[in-house]
């Protein structure tokens, strides 16, 4: 596998991802009244890929008060169906971070996986 350069997205970029996706909060969670319920989210690889930005996805959920875990660090080869990252916390917080984290992981792993 070729060498890769590791970098860390600053916190303000992670906050910007969230602000772009839900600038006024998460309306879906409010309407469904799921906010305080406990929940869990798991991100899996659709195909074999190279994990990328899993640490940033975890930090995104942690910024929302969730407990996050990186299953595969950036640079690790992940088989189809393998867990990239996961988080536990209030369903409202998980739902608020879901799309931003998904977009980040899809783009970064898509680029990282083209080795």
PDB file of N, CA and C in Angstrom:
ATOM      1  N   UNK A   1       0.844  -1.166   0.000  1.00  0.00           N
ATOM      2  CA  UNK A   1       0.000   0.000   0.000  1.00  0.00           C
ATOM      3  C   UNK A   1       0.893   1.234   0.000  1.00  0.00           C
ATOM      4  N   UNK A   2       0.522   2.266  -0.771  1.00  0.00           N
ATOM      5  CA  UNK A   2       1.348   3.464  -0.811  1.00  0.00           C
ATOM      6  C   UNK A   2       1.289   4.237   0.498  1.00  0.00           C
ATOM      7  N   UNK A   3       2.309   5.038   0.711  1.00  0.00           N
ATOM      8  CA  UNK A   3       2.331   5.873   1.909  1.00  0.00           C
ATOM      9  C   UNK A   3       1.250   6.940   1.797  1.00  0.00           C
ATOM     10  N   UNK A   4       0.740   7.385   2.915  1.00  0.00           N
ATOM     11  CA  UNK A   4      -0.267   8.440   2.917  1.00  0.00           C
ATOM     12  C   UNK A   4       0.137   9.496   3.934  1.00  0.00           C
ATOM     13  N   UNK A   5      -0.412  10.663   3.761  1.00  0.00           N
ATOM     14  CA  UNK A   5      -0.135  11.769   4.660  1.00  0.00           C
ATOM     15  C   UNK A   5      -1.323  11.913   5.601  1.00  0.00           C
ATOM     16  N   UNK A   6      -1.041  11.950   6.878  1.00  0.00           N
ATOM     17  CA  UNK A   6      -2.138  12.144   7.818  1.00  0.00           C
ATOM     18  C   UNK A   6      -2.245  13.623   8.145  1.00  0.00           C
ATOM     19  N   UNK A   7      -3.451  14.071   8.281  1.00  0.00           N
ATOM     20  CA  UNK A   7      -3.710  15.439   8.702  1.00  0.00           C
ATOM     21  C   UNK A   7      -4.955  15.418   9.568  1.00  0.00           C
ATOM     22  N   UNK A   8      -5.200  16.488  10.216  1.00  0.00           N
ATOM     23  CA  UNK A   8      -6.331  16.566  11.143  1.00  0.00           C
ATOM     24  C   UNK A   8      -7.147  17.791  10.788  1.00  0.00           C
ATOM     25  N   UNK A   9      -8.430  17.584  10.530  1.00  0.00           N
ATOM     26  CA  UNK A   9      -9.298  18.724  10.277  1.00  0.00           C
ATOM     27  C   UNK A   9      -9.469  19.503  11.571  1.00  0.00           C
ATOM     28  N   UNK A  10      -9.362  20.823  11.501  1.00  0.00           N
ATOM     29  CA  UNK A  10      -9.555  21.610  12.728  1.00  0.00           C
ATOM     30  C   UNK A  10     -11.021  21.587  13.176  1.00  0.00           C
ATOM     31  N   UNK A  11     -11.228  21.862  14.451  1.00  0.00           N
ATOM     32  CA  UNK A  11     -12.573  21.834  15.023  1.00  0.00           C
ATOM     33  C   UNK A  11     -13.533  22.761  14.295  1.00  0.00           C
ATOM     34  N   UNK A  12     -13.059  23.932  13.852  1.00  0.00           N
ATOM     35  CA  UNK A  12     -13.974  24.866  13.194  1.00  0.00           C
ATOM     36  C   UNK A  12     -14.511  24.300  11.884  1.00  0.00           C
ATOM     37  N   UNK A  13     -13.765  23.427  11.223  1.00  0.00           N
ATOM     38  CA  UNK A  13     -14.265  22.790   9.992  1.00  0.00           C
ATOM     39  C   UNK A  13     -15.356  21.774  10.323  1.00  0.00           C
ATOM     40  N   UNK A  14     -15.176  21.042  11.399  1.00  0.00           N
ATOM     41  CA  UNK A  14     -16.194  20.085  11.826  1.00  0.00           C
ATOM     42  C   UNK A  14     -17.468  20.837  12.213  1.00  0.00           C
ATOM     43  N   UNK A  15     -17.313  21.949  12.930  1.00  0.00           N
ATOM     44  CA  UNK A  15     -18.469  22.772  13.292  1.00  0.00           C
ATOM     45  C   UNK A  15     -19.147  23.332  12.044  1.00  0.00           C
ATOM     46  N   UNK A  16     -18.374  23.672  11.029  1.00  0.00           N
ATOM     47  CA  UNK A  16     -18.926  24.198   9.779  1.00  0.00           C
ATOM     48  C   UNK A  16     -19.755  23.134   9.064  1.00  0.00           C
ATOM     49  N   UNK A  17     -19.282  21.876   9.057  1.00  0.00           N
ATOM     50  CA  UNK A  17     -20.057  20.786   8.440  1.00  0.00           C
ATOM     51  C   UNK A  17     -21.438  20.682   9.097  1.00  0.00           C
ATOM     52  N   UNK A  18     -21.456  20.744  10.424  1.00  0.00           N
ATOM     53  CA  UNK A  18     -22.729  20.658  11.145  1.00  0.00           C
ATOM     54  C   UNK A  18     -23.616  21.862  10.851  1.00  0.00           C
ATOM     55  N   UNK A  19     -23.014  23.041  10.845  1.00  0.00           N
ATOM     56  CA  UNK A  19     -23.786  24.267  10.592  1.00  0.00           C
ATOM     57  C   UNK A  19     -24.380  24.274   9.185  1.00  0.00           C
ATOM     58  N   UNK A  20     -23.678  23.719   8.222  1.00  0.00           N
ATOM     59  CA  UNK A  20     -24.201  23.658   6.862  1.00  0.00           C
ATOM     60  C   UNK A  20     -25.394  22.711   6.776  1.00  0.00           C
ATOM     61  N   UNK A  21     -25.338  21.605   7.493  1.00  0.00           N
ATOM     62  CA  UNK A  21     -26.392  20.598   7.402  1.00  0.00           C
ATOM     63  C   UNK A  21     -27.621  20.968   8.229  1.00  0.00           C
ATOM     64  N   UNK A  22     -27.426  21.492   9.422  1.00  0.00           N
ATOM     65  CA  UNK A  22     -28.584  21.862  10.259  1.00  0.00           C
ATOM     66  C   UNK A  22     -28.300  23.203  10.941  1.00  0.00           C
ATOM     67  N   UNK A  23     -28.414  24.281  10.178  1.00  0.00           N
ATOM     68  CA  UNK A  23     -28.095  25.596  10.745  1.00  0.00           C
ATOM     69  C   UNK A  23     -29.030  26.032  11.872  1.00  0.00           C
ATOM     70  N   UNK A  24     -30.238  25.488  11.912  1.00  0.00           N
ATOM     71  CA  UNK A  24     -31.214  25.896  12.923  1.00  0.00           C
ATOM     72  C   UNK A  24     -31.625  24.737  13.831  1.00  0.00           C
ATOM     73  N   UNK A  25     -30.798  23.720  13.911  1.00  0.00           N
ATOM     74  CA  UNK A  25     -31.124  22.543  14.697  1.00  0.00           C
ATOM     75  C   UNK A  25     -31.682  21.451  13.807  1.00  0.00           C
ATOM     76  N   UNK A  26     -32.114  20.378  14.417  1.00  0.00           N
ATOM     77  CA  UNK A  26     -32.615  19.229  13.672  1.00  0.00           C
ATOM     78  C   UNK A  26     -34.130  19.150  13.786  1.00  0.00           C
ATOM     79  N   UNK A  27     -34.811  19.629  12.757  1.00  0.00           N
ATOM     80  CA  UNK A  27     -36.267  19.670  12.744  1.00  0.00           C
ATOM     81  C   UNK A  27     -36.877  18.266  12.797  1.00  0.00           C
ATOM     82  N   UNK A  28     -36.264  17.308  12.109  1.00  0.00           N
ATOM     83  CA  UNK A  28     -36.799  15.937  12.090  1.00  0.00           C
ATOM     84  C   UNK A  28     -36.881  15.359  13.494  1.00  0.00           C
ATOM     85  N   UNK A  29     -35.809  15.487  14.262  1.00  0.00           N
ATOM     86  CA  UNK A  29     -35.804  14.952  15.633  1.00  0.00           C
ATOM     87  C   UNK A  29     -36.843  15.653  16.496  1.00  0.00           C
ATOM     88  N   UNK A  30     -37.014  16.953  16.290  1.00  0.00           N
ATOM     89  CA  UNK A  30     -37.998  17.704  17.072  1.00  0.00           C
ATOM     90  C   UNK A  30     -39.416  17.246  16.747  1.00  0.00           C
ATOM     91  N   UNK A  31     -39.710  17.081  15.452  1.00  0.00           N
ATOM     92  CA  UNK A  31     -41.054  16.665  15.045  1.00  0.00           C
ATOM     93  C   UNK A  31     -41.358  15.246  15.525  1.00  0.00           C
ATOM     94  N   UNK A  32     -40.387  14.353  15.405  1.00  0.00           N
ATOM     95  CA  UNK A  32     -40.589  12.962  15.818  1.00  0.00           C
ATOM     96  C   UNK A  32     -40.488  12.767  17.329  1.00  0.00           C
ATOM     97  N   UNK A  33     -40.008  13.795  18.026  1.00  0.00           N
ATOM     98  CA  UNK A  33     -39.828  13.754  19.478  1.00  0.00           C
ATOM     99  C   UNK A  33     -38.943  12.584  19.916  1.00  0.00           C
ATOM    100  N   UNK A  34     -37.851  12.382  19.174  1.00  0.00           N
ATOM    101  CA  UNK A  34     -36.926  11.285  19.506  1.00  0.00           C
ATOM    102  C   UNK A  34     -35.692  11.780  20.244  1.00  0.00           C
ATOM    103  N   UNK A  35     -35.557  13.090  20.395  1.00  0.00           N
ATOM    104  CA  UNK A  35     -34.347  13.691  20.937  1.00  0.00           C
ATOM    105  C   UNK A  35     -33.687  12.997  22.100  1.00  0.00           C
ATOM    106  N   UNK A  36     -34.376  12.817  23.228  1.00  0.00           N
ATOM    107  CA  UNK A  36     -33.705  12.272  24.406  1.00  0.00           C
ATOM    108  C   UNK A  36     -33.565  10.752  24.448  1.00  0.00           C
ATOM    109  N   UNK A  37     -34.187  10.058  23.522  1.00  0.00           N
ATOM    110  CA  UNK A  37     -34.096   8.596  23.549  1.00  0.00           C
ATOM    111  C   UNK A  37     -32.662   8.140  23.272  1.00  0.00           C
ATOM    112  N   UNK A  38     -32.207   7.074  23.911  1.00  0.00           N
ATOM    113  CA  UNK A  38     -30.859   6.571  23.638  1.00  0.00           C
ATOM    114  C   UNK A  38     -30.797   5.928  22.252  1.00  0.00           C
ATOM    115  N   UNK A  39     -29.647   6.066  21.609  1.00  0.00           N
ATOM    116  CA  UNK A  39     -29.492   5.477  20.287  1.00  0.00           C
ATOM    117  C   UNK A  39     -28.050   5.130  19.979  1.00  0.00           C
ATOM    118  N   UNK A  40     -27.874   4.515  18.829  1.00  0.00           N
ATOM    119  CA  UNK A  40     -26.548   4.087  18.365  1.00  0.00           C
ATOM    120  C   UNK A  40     -26.530   4.217  16.848  1.00  0.00           C
ATOM    121  N   UNK A  41     -25.411   4.665  16.312  1.00  0.00           N
ATOM    122  CA  UNK A  41     -25.234   4.756  14.867  1.00  0.00           C
ATOM    123  C   UNK A  41     -23.932   4.053  14.501  1.00  0.00           C
ATOM    124  N   UNK A  42     -23.961   3.308  13.403  1.00  0.00           N
ATOM    125  CA  UNK A  42     -22.785   2.572  12.947  1.00  0.00           C
ATOM    126  C   UNK A  42     -22.578   2.877  11.471  1.00  0.00           C
ATOM    127  N   UNK A  43     -21.364   3.211  11.097  1.00  0.00           N
ATOM    128  CA  UNK A  43     -21.007   3.446   9.703  1.00  0.00           C
ATOM    129  C   UNK A  43     -20.196   2.256   9.209  1.00  0.00           C
ATOM    130  N   UNK A  44     -20.663   1.635   8.144  1.00  0.00           N
ATOM    131  CA  UNK A  44     -20.006   0.466   7.555  1.00  0.00           C
ATOM    132  C   UNK A  44     -19.559   0.774   6.142  1.00  0.00           C
ATOM    133  N   UNK A  45     -18.522   0.083   5.716  1.00  0.00           N
ATOM    134  CA  UNK A  45     -18.015   0.244   4.352  1.00  0.00           C
ATOM    135  C   UNK A  45     -18.929  -0.479   3.368  1.00  0.00           C
ATOM    136  N   UNK A  46     -19.345   0.223   2.337  1.00  0.00           N
ATOM    137  CA  UNK A  46     -20.199  -0.387   1.313  1.00  0.00           C
ATOM    138  C   UNK A  46     -19.401  -1.393   0.488  1.00  0.00           C
ATOM    139  N   UNK A  47     -18.140  -1.067   0.233  1.00  0.00           N
ATOM    140  CA  UNK A  47     -17.206  -1.925  -0.496  1.00  0.00           C
ATOM    141  C   UNK A  47     -15.868  -1.871   0.222  1.00  0.00           C
ATOM    142  N   UNK A  48     -14.922  -2.698  -0.196  1.00  0.00           N
ATOM    143  CA  UNK A  48     -13.584  -2.586   0.384  1.00  0.00           C
ATOM    144  C   UNK A  48     -13.067  -1.184   0.111  1.00  0.00           C
ATOM    145  N   UNK A  49     -12.488  -0.571   1.124  1.00  0.00           N
ATOM    146  CA  UNK A  49     -12.006   0.802   0.987  1.00  0.00           C
ATOM    147  C   UNK A  49     -10.876   1.064   1.966  1.00  0.00           C
ATOM    148  N   UNK A  50     -10.326   2.238   1.892  1.00  0.00           N
ATOM    149  CA  UNK A  50      -9.341   2.700   2.867  1.00  0.00           C
ATOM    150  C   UNK A  50     -10.056   3.690   3.781  1.00  0.00           C
ATOM    151  N   UNK A  51     -10.018   3.432   5.070  1.00  0.00           N
ATOM    152  CA  UNK A  51     -10.668   4.329   6.028  1.00  0.00           C
ATOM    153  C   UNK A  51     -10.010   5.699   5.969  1.00  0.00           C
ATOM    154  N   UNK A  52     -10.819   6.709   6.006  1.00  0.00           N
ATOM    155  CA  UNK A  52     -10.305   8.075   5.974  1.00  0.00           C
ATOM    156  C   UNK A  52     -11.284   8.993   6.706  1.00  0.00           C
ATOM    157  N   UNK A  53     -10.781   9.811   7.572  1.00  0.00           N
ATOM    158  CA  UNK A  53     -11.560  10.783   8.362  1.00  0.00           C
ATOM    159  C   UNK A  53     -12.472  10.128   9.392  1.00  0.00           C
ATOM    160  N   UNK A  54     -12.181   8.919   9.788  1.00  0.00           N
ATOM    161  CA  UNK A  54     -12.979   8.281  10.836  1.00  0.00           C
ATOM    162  C   UNK A  54     -12.799   9.010  12.172  1.00  0.00           C
ATOM    163  N   UNK A  55     -11.617   9.523  12.401  1.00  0.00           N
ATOM    164  CA  UNK A  55     -11.363  10.278  13.632  1.00  0.00           C
ATOM    165  C   UNK A  55     -12.193  11.568  13.655  1.00  0.00           C
ATOM    166  N   UNK A  56     -12.289  12.227  12.496  1.00  0.00           N
ATOM    167  CA  UNK A  56     -13.078  13.456  12.411  1.00  0.00           C
ATOM    168  C   UNK A  56     -14.572  13.165  12.589  1.00  0.00           C
ATOM    169  N   UNK A  57     -15.040  12.057  12.040  1.00  0.00           N
ATOM    170  CA  UNK A  57     -16.439  11.675  12.229  1.00  0.00           C
ATOM    171  C   UNK A  57     -16.724  11.445  13.717  1.00  0.00           C
ATOM    172  N   UNK A  58     -15.797  10.797  14.402  1.00  0.00           N
ATOM    173  CA  UNK A  58     -15.957  10.574  15.844  1.00  0.00           C
ATOM    174  C   UNK A  58     -15.963  11.908  16.589  1.00  0.00           C
ATOM    175  N   UNK A  59     -15.071  12.812  16.235  1.00  0.00           N
ATOM    176  CA  UNK A  59     -15.032  14.124  16.887  1.00  0.00           C
ATOM    177  C   UNK A  59     -16.316  14.901  16.638  1.00  0.00           C
ATOM    178  N   UNK A  60     -16.891  14.749  15.464  1.00  0.00           N
ATOM    179  CA  UNK A  60     -18.145  15.417  15.141  1.00  0.00           C
ATOM    180  C   UNK A  60     -19.233  14.973  16.123  1.00  0.00           C
ATOM    181  N   UNK A  61     -19.358  13.656  16.331  1.00  0.00           N
ATOM    182  CA  UNK A  61     -20.362  13.155  17.266  1.00  0.00           C
ATOM    183  C   UNK A  61     -20.034  13.550  18.705  1.00  0.00           C
ATOM    184  N   UNK A  62     -18.767  13.540  19.064  1.00  0.00           N
ATOM    185  CA  UNK A  62     -18.382  13.941  20.416  1.00  0.00           C
ATOM    186  C   UNK A  62     -18.733  15.404  20.669  1.00  0.00           C
ATOM    187  N   UNK A  63     -18.640  16.243  19.628  1.00  0.00           N
ATOM    188  CA  UNK A  63     -18.995  17.654  19.785  1.00  0.00           C
ATOM    189  C   UNK A  63     -20.489  17.827  20.065  1.00  0.00           C
ATOM    190  N   UNK A  64     -21.277  16.803  19.752  1.00  0.00           N
ATOM    191  CA  UNK A  64     -22.720  16.821  20.010  1.00  0.00           C
ATOM    192  C   UNK A  64     -23.085  16.107  21.311  1.00  0.00           C
ATOM    193  N   UNK A  65     -22.073  15.712  22.083  1.00  0.00           N
ATOM    194  CA  UNK A  65     -22.315  15.074  23.370  1.00  0.00           C
ATOM    195  C   UNK A  65     -22.429  13.572  23.332  1.00  0.00           C
ATOM    196  N   UNK A  66     -22.093  12.959  22.206  1.00  0.00           N
ATOM    197  CA  UNK A  66     -22.164  11.501  22.076  1.00  0.00           C
ATOM    198  C   UNK A  66     -20.825  10.871  22.466  1.00  0.00           C
ATOM    199  N   UNK A  67     -20.854   9.581  22.687  1.00  0.00           N
ATOM    200  CA  UNK A  67     -19.637   8.802  22.909  1.00  0.00           C
ATOM    201  C   UNK A  67     -19.353   8.089  21.595  1.00  0.00           C
ATOM    202  N   UNK A  68     -18.203   8.369  21.009  1.00  0.00           N
ATOM    203  CA  UNK A  68     -17.882   7.825  19.687  1.00  0.00           C
ATOM    204  C   UNK A  68     -16.674   6.917  19.760  1.00  0.00           C
ATOM    205  N   UNK A  69     -16.617   5.980  18.813  1.00  0.00           N
ATOM    206  CA  UNK A  69     -15.491   5.057  18.720  1.00  0.00           C
ATOM    207  C   UNK A  69     -15.057   4.950  17.267  1.00  0.00           C
ATOM    208  N   UNK A  70     -13.755   4.954  17.063  1.00  0.00           N
ATOM    209  CA  UNK A  70     -13.187   4.748  15.737  1.00  0.00           C
ATOM    210  C   UNK A  70     -12.852   3.271  15.635  1.00  0.00           C
ATOM    211  N   UNK A  71     -13.559   2.563  14.775  1.00  0.00           N
ATOM    212  CA  UNK A  71     -13.305   1.135  14.614  1.00  0.00           C
ATOM    213  C   UNK A  71     -12.069   0.897  13.754  1.00  0.00           C
ATOM    214  N   UNK A  72     -11.886   1.744  12.754  1.00  0.00           N
ATOM    215  CA  UNK A  72     -10.736   1.633  11.849  1.00  0.00           C
ATOM    216  C   UNK A  72     -10.110   3.014  11.682  1.00  0.00           C
ATOM    217  N   UNK A  73      -8.842   3.175  12.012  1.00  0.00           N
ATOM    218  CA  UNK A  73      -8.207   4.478  11.877  1.00  0.00           C
ATOM    219  C   UNK A  73      -7.939   4.825  10.416  1.00  0.00           C
ATOM    220  N   UNK A  74      -7.741   6.091  10.161  1.00  0.00           N
ATOM    221  CA  UNK A  74      -7.393   6.543   8.821  1.00  0.00           C
ATOM    222  C   UNK A  74      -6.191   5.756   8.309  1.00  0.00           C
ATOM    223  N   UNK A  75      -6.328   5.256   7.087  1.00  0.00           N
ATOM    224  CA  UNK A  75      -5.254   4.490   6.459  1.00  0.00           C
ATOM    225  C   UNK A  75      -5.462   2.989   6.499  1.00  0.00           C
ATOM    226  N   UNK A  76      -6.367   2.522   7.355  1.00  0.00           N
ATOM    227  CA  UNK A  76      -6.620   1.083   7.453  1.00  0.00           C
ATOM    228  C   UNK A  76      -7.474   0.612   6.280  1.00  0.00           C
ATOM    229  N   UNK A  77      -7.158  -0.554   5.753  1.00  0.00           N
ATOM    230  CA  UNK A  77      -7.980  -1.152   4.712  1.00  0.00           C
ATOM    231  C   UNK A  77      -9.162  -1.841   5.402  1.00  0.00           C
ATOM    232  N   UNK A  78     -10.365  -1.508   4.937  1.00  0.00           N
ATOM    233  CA  UNK A  78     -11.589  -2.026   5.543  1.00  0.00           C
ATOM    234  C   UNK A  78     -12.312  -2.875   4.507  1.00  0.00           C
ATOM    235  N   UNK A  79     -12.662  -4.084   4.887  1.00  0.00           N
ATOM    236  CA  UNK A  79     -13.374  -4.963   3.959  1.00  0.00           C
ATOM    237  C   UNK A  79     -14.838  -4.542   3.846  1.00  0.00           C
ATOM    238  N   UNK A  80     -15.489  -5.020   2.804  1.00  0.00           N
ATOM    239  CA  UNK A  80     -16.896  -4.724   2.572  1.00  0.00           C
ATOM    240  C   UNK A  80     -17.699  -5.113   3.815  1.00  0.00           C
ATOM    241  N   UNK A  81     -18.507  -4.181   4.299  1.00  0.00           N
ATOM    242  CA  UNK A  81     -19.311  -4.426   5.483  1.00  0.00           C
ATOM    243  C   UNK A  81     -18.612  -4.146   6.796  1.00  0.00           C
ATOM    244  N   UNK A  82     -17.313  -3.852   6.746  1.00  0.00           N
ATOM    245  CA  UNK A  82     -16.566  -3.574   7.969  1.00  0.00           C
ATOM    246  C   UNK A  82     -16.988  -2.261   8.611  1.00  0.00           C
ATOM    247  N   UNK A  83     -16.906  -2.200   9.923  1.00  0.00           N
ATOM    248  CA  UNK A  83     -17.291  -1.001  10.660  1.00  0.00           C
ATOM    249  C   UNK A  83     -16.167   0.030  10.578  1.00  0.00           C
ATOM    250  N   UNK A  84     -16.530   1.246  10.190  1.00  0.00           N
ATOM    251  CA  UNK A  84     -15.581   2.359  10.139  1.00  0.00           C
ATOM    252  C   UNK A  84     -15.577   3.124  11.456  1.00  0.00           C
ATOM    253  N   UNK A  85     -16.769   3.495  11.922  1.00  0.00           N
ATOM    254  CA  UNK A  85     -16.912   4.264  13.160  1.00  0.00           C
ATOM    255  C   UNK A  85     -18.318   4.058  13.697  1.00  0.00           C
ATOM    256  N   UNK A  86     -18.490   4.365  14.971  1.00  0.00           N
ATOM    257  CA  UNK A  86     -19.816   4.276  15.570  1.00  0.00           C
ATOM    258  C   UNK A  86     -19.918   5.265  16.718  1.00  0.00           C
ATOM    259  N   UNK A  87     -21.148   5.555  17.102  1.00  0.00           N
ATOM    260  CA  UNK A  87     -21.382   6.483  18.209  1.00  0.00           C
ATOM    261  C   UNK A  87     -22.659   6.086  18.944  1.00  0.00           C
ATOM    262  N   UNK A  88     -22.705   6.444  20.214  1.00  0.00           N
ATOM    263  CA  UNK A  88     -23.881   6.228  21.056  1.00  0.00           C
ATOM    264  C   UNK A  88     -24.205   7.551  21.736  1.00  0.00           C
ATOM    265  N   UNK A  89     -25.483   7.752  21.951  1.00  0.00           N
ATOM    266  CA  UNK A  89     -25.902   8.978  22.625  1.00  0.00           C
ATOM    267  C   UNK A  89     -27.375   9.201  22.437  1.00  0.00           C
ATOM    268  N   UNK A  90     -27.817  10.415  22.673  1.00  0.00           N
ATOM    269  CA  UNK A  90     -29.215  10.754  22.480  1.00  0.00           C
ATOM    270  C   UNK A  90     -29.538  10.714  20.988  1.00  0.00           C
ATOM    271  N   UNK A  91     -30.688  10.158  20.657  1.00  0.00           N
ATOM    272  CA  UNK A  91     -31.080   9.999  19.255  1.00  0.00           C
ATOM    273  C   UNK A  91     -31.088  11.327  18.509  1.00  0.00           C
ATOM    274  N   UNK A  92     -31.498  12.399  19.158  1.00  0.00           N
ATOM    275  CA  UNK A  92     -31.510  13.704  18.515  1.00  0.00           C
ATOM    276  C   UNK A  92     -30.116  14.155  18.105  1.00  0.00           C
ATOM    277  N   UNK A  93     -29.142  13.938  18.971  1.00  0.00           N
ATOM    278  CA  UNK A  93     -27.763  14.302  18.662  1.00  0.00           C
ATOM    279  C   UNK A  93     -27.195  13.416  17.559  1.00  0.00           C
ATOM    280  N   UNK A  94     -27.495  12.130  17.620  1.00  0.00           N
ATOM    281  CA  UNK A  94     -27.022  11.206  16.585  1.00  0.00           C
ATOM    282  C   UNK A  94     -27.609  11.579  15.224  1.00  0.00           C
ATOM    283  N   UNK A  95     -28.891  11.895  15.201  1.00  0.00           N
ATOM    284  CA  UNK A  95     -29.537  12.259  13.938  1.00  0.00           C
ATOM    285  C   UNK A  95     -28.978  13.574  13.407  1.00  0.00           C
ATOM    286  N   UNK A  96     -28.674  14.507  14.297  1.00  0.00           N
ATOM    287  CA  UNK A  96     -28.123  15.788  13.869  1.00  0.00           C
ATOM    288  C   UNK A  96     -26.752  15.597  13.211  1.00  0.00           C
ATOM    289  N   UNK A  97     -25.939  14.685  13.731  1.00  0.00           N
ATOM    290  CA  UNK A  97     -24.602  14.475  13.179  1.00  0.00           C
ATOM    291  C   UNK A  97     -24.540  13.483  12.039  1.00  0.00           C
ATOM    292  N   UNK A  98     -25.591  12.699  11.848  1.00  0.00           N
ATOM    293  CA  UNK A  98     -25.600  11.605  10.876  1.00  0.00           C
ATOM    294  C   UNK A  98     -25.207  12.037   9.469  1.00  0.00           C
ATOM    295  N   UNK A  99     -25.902  12.978   8.879  1.00  0.00           N
ATOM    296  CA  UNK A  99     -25.666  13.313   7.470  1.00  0.00           C
ATOM    297  C   UNK A  99     -24.311  13.979   7.267  1.00  0.00           C
ATOM    298  N   UNK A 100     -23.911  14.843   8.180  1.00  0.00           N
ATOM    299  CA  UNK A 100     -22.608  15.497   8.059  1.00  0.00           C
ATOM    300  C   UNK A 100     -21.480  14.462   8.134  1.00  0.00           C
ATOM    301  N   UNK A 101     -21.593  13.527   9.082  1.00  0.00           N
ATOM    302  CA  UNK A 101     -20.574  12.477   9.215  1.00  0.00           C
ATOM    303  C   UNK A 101     -20.583  11.556   8.002  1.00  0.00           C
ATOM    304  N   UNK A 102     -21.769  11.213   7.523  1.00  0.00           N
ATOM    305  CA  UNK A 102     -21.884  10.357   6.347  1.00  0.00           C
ATOM    306  C   UNK A 102     -21.238  11.010   5.126  1.00  0.00           C
ATOM    307  N   UNK A 103     -21.533  12.284   4.893  1.00  0.00           N
ATOM    308  CA  UNK A 103     -20.928  12.990   3.754  1.00  0.00           C
ATOM    309  C   UNK A 103     -19.409  13.027   3.864  1.00  0.00           C
ATOM    310  N   UNK A 104     -18.922  13.297   5.058  1.00  0.00           N
ATOM    311  CA  UNK A 104     -17.479  13.338   5.290  1.00  0.00           C
ATOM    312  C   UNK A 104     -16.835  11.984   5.005  1.00  0.00           C
ATOM    313  N   UNK A 105     -17.404  10.923   5.557  1.00  0.00           N
ATOM    314  CA  UNK A 105     -16.838   9.589   5.368  1.00  0.00           C
ATOM    315  C   UNK A 105     -16.935   9.117   3.912  1.00  0.00           C
ATOM    316  N   UNK A 106     -18.068   9.362   3.273  1.00  0.00           N
ATOM    317  CA  UNK A 106     -18.217   8.937   1.871  1.00  0.00           C
ATOM    318  C   UNK A 106     -17.191   9.616   0.976  1.00  0.00           C
ATOM    319  N   UNK A 107     -17.037  10.914   1.137  1.00  0.00           N
ATOM    320  CA  UNK A 107     -16.084  11.640   0.292  1.00  0.00           C
ATOM    321  C   UNK A 107     -14.645  11.231   0.596  1.00  0.00           C
ATOM    322  N   UNK A 108     -14.282  11.227   1.873  1.00  0.00           N
ATOM    323  CA  UNK A 108     -12.892  10.936   2.238  1.00  0.00           C
ATOM    324  C   UNK A 108     -12.503   9.499   1.951  1.00  0.00           C
ATOM    325  N   UNK A 109     -13.363   8.531   2.286  1.00  0.00           N
ATOM    326  CA  UNK A 109     -13.052   7.127   2.005  1.00  0.00           C
ATOM    327  C   UNK A 109     -13.067   6.862   0.504  1.00  0.00           C
ATOM    328  N   UNK A 110     -13.935   7.575  -0.205  1.00  0.00           N
ATOM    329  CA  UNK A 110     -13.971   7.423  -1.668  1.00  0.00           C
ATOM    330  C   UNK A 110     -12.664   7.856  -2.301  1.00  0.00           C
ATOM    331  N   UNK A 111     -12.124   8.951  -1.814  1.00  0.00           N
ATOM    332  CA  UNK A 111     -10.842   9.430  -2.325  1.00  0.00           C
ATOM    333  C   UNK A 111      -9.716   8.517  -1.851  1.00  0.00           C
ATOM    334  N   UNK A 112      -9.732   8.183  -0.545  1.00  0.00           N
ATOM    335  CA  UNK A 112      -8.693   7.327   0.036  1.00  0.00           C
ATOM    336  C   UNK A 112      -8.679   5.936  -0.549  1.00  0.00           C
ATOM    337  N   UNK A 113      -9.826   5.456  -0.988  1.00  0.00           N
ATOM    338  CA  UNK A 113      -9.936   4.103  -1.513  1.00  0.00           C
ATOM    339  C   UNK A 113      -9.475   3.950  -2.955  1.00  0.00           C
ATOM    340  N   UNK A 114      -9.111   5.041  -3.588  1.00  0.00           N
ATOM    341  CA  UNK A 114      -8.674   4.985  -4.992  1.00  0.00           C
ATOM    342  C   UNK A 114      -7.155   4.852  -5.090  1.00  0.00           C
ATOM    343  N   UNK A 115      -6.641   3.909  -4.384  1.00  0.00           N
ATOM    344  CA  UNK A 115      -5.185   3.684  -4.374  1.00  0.00           C
ATOM    345  C   UNK A 115      -4.895   2.549  -5.246  1.00  0.00           C
TER     346      UNK A 115
END
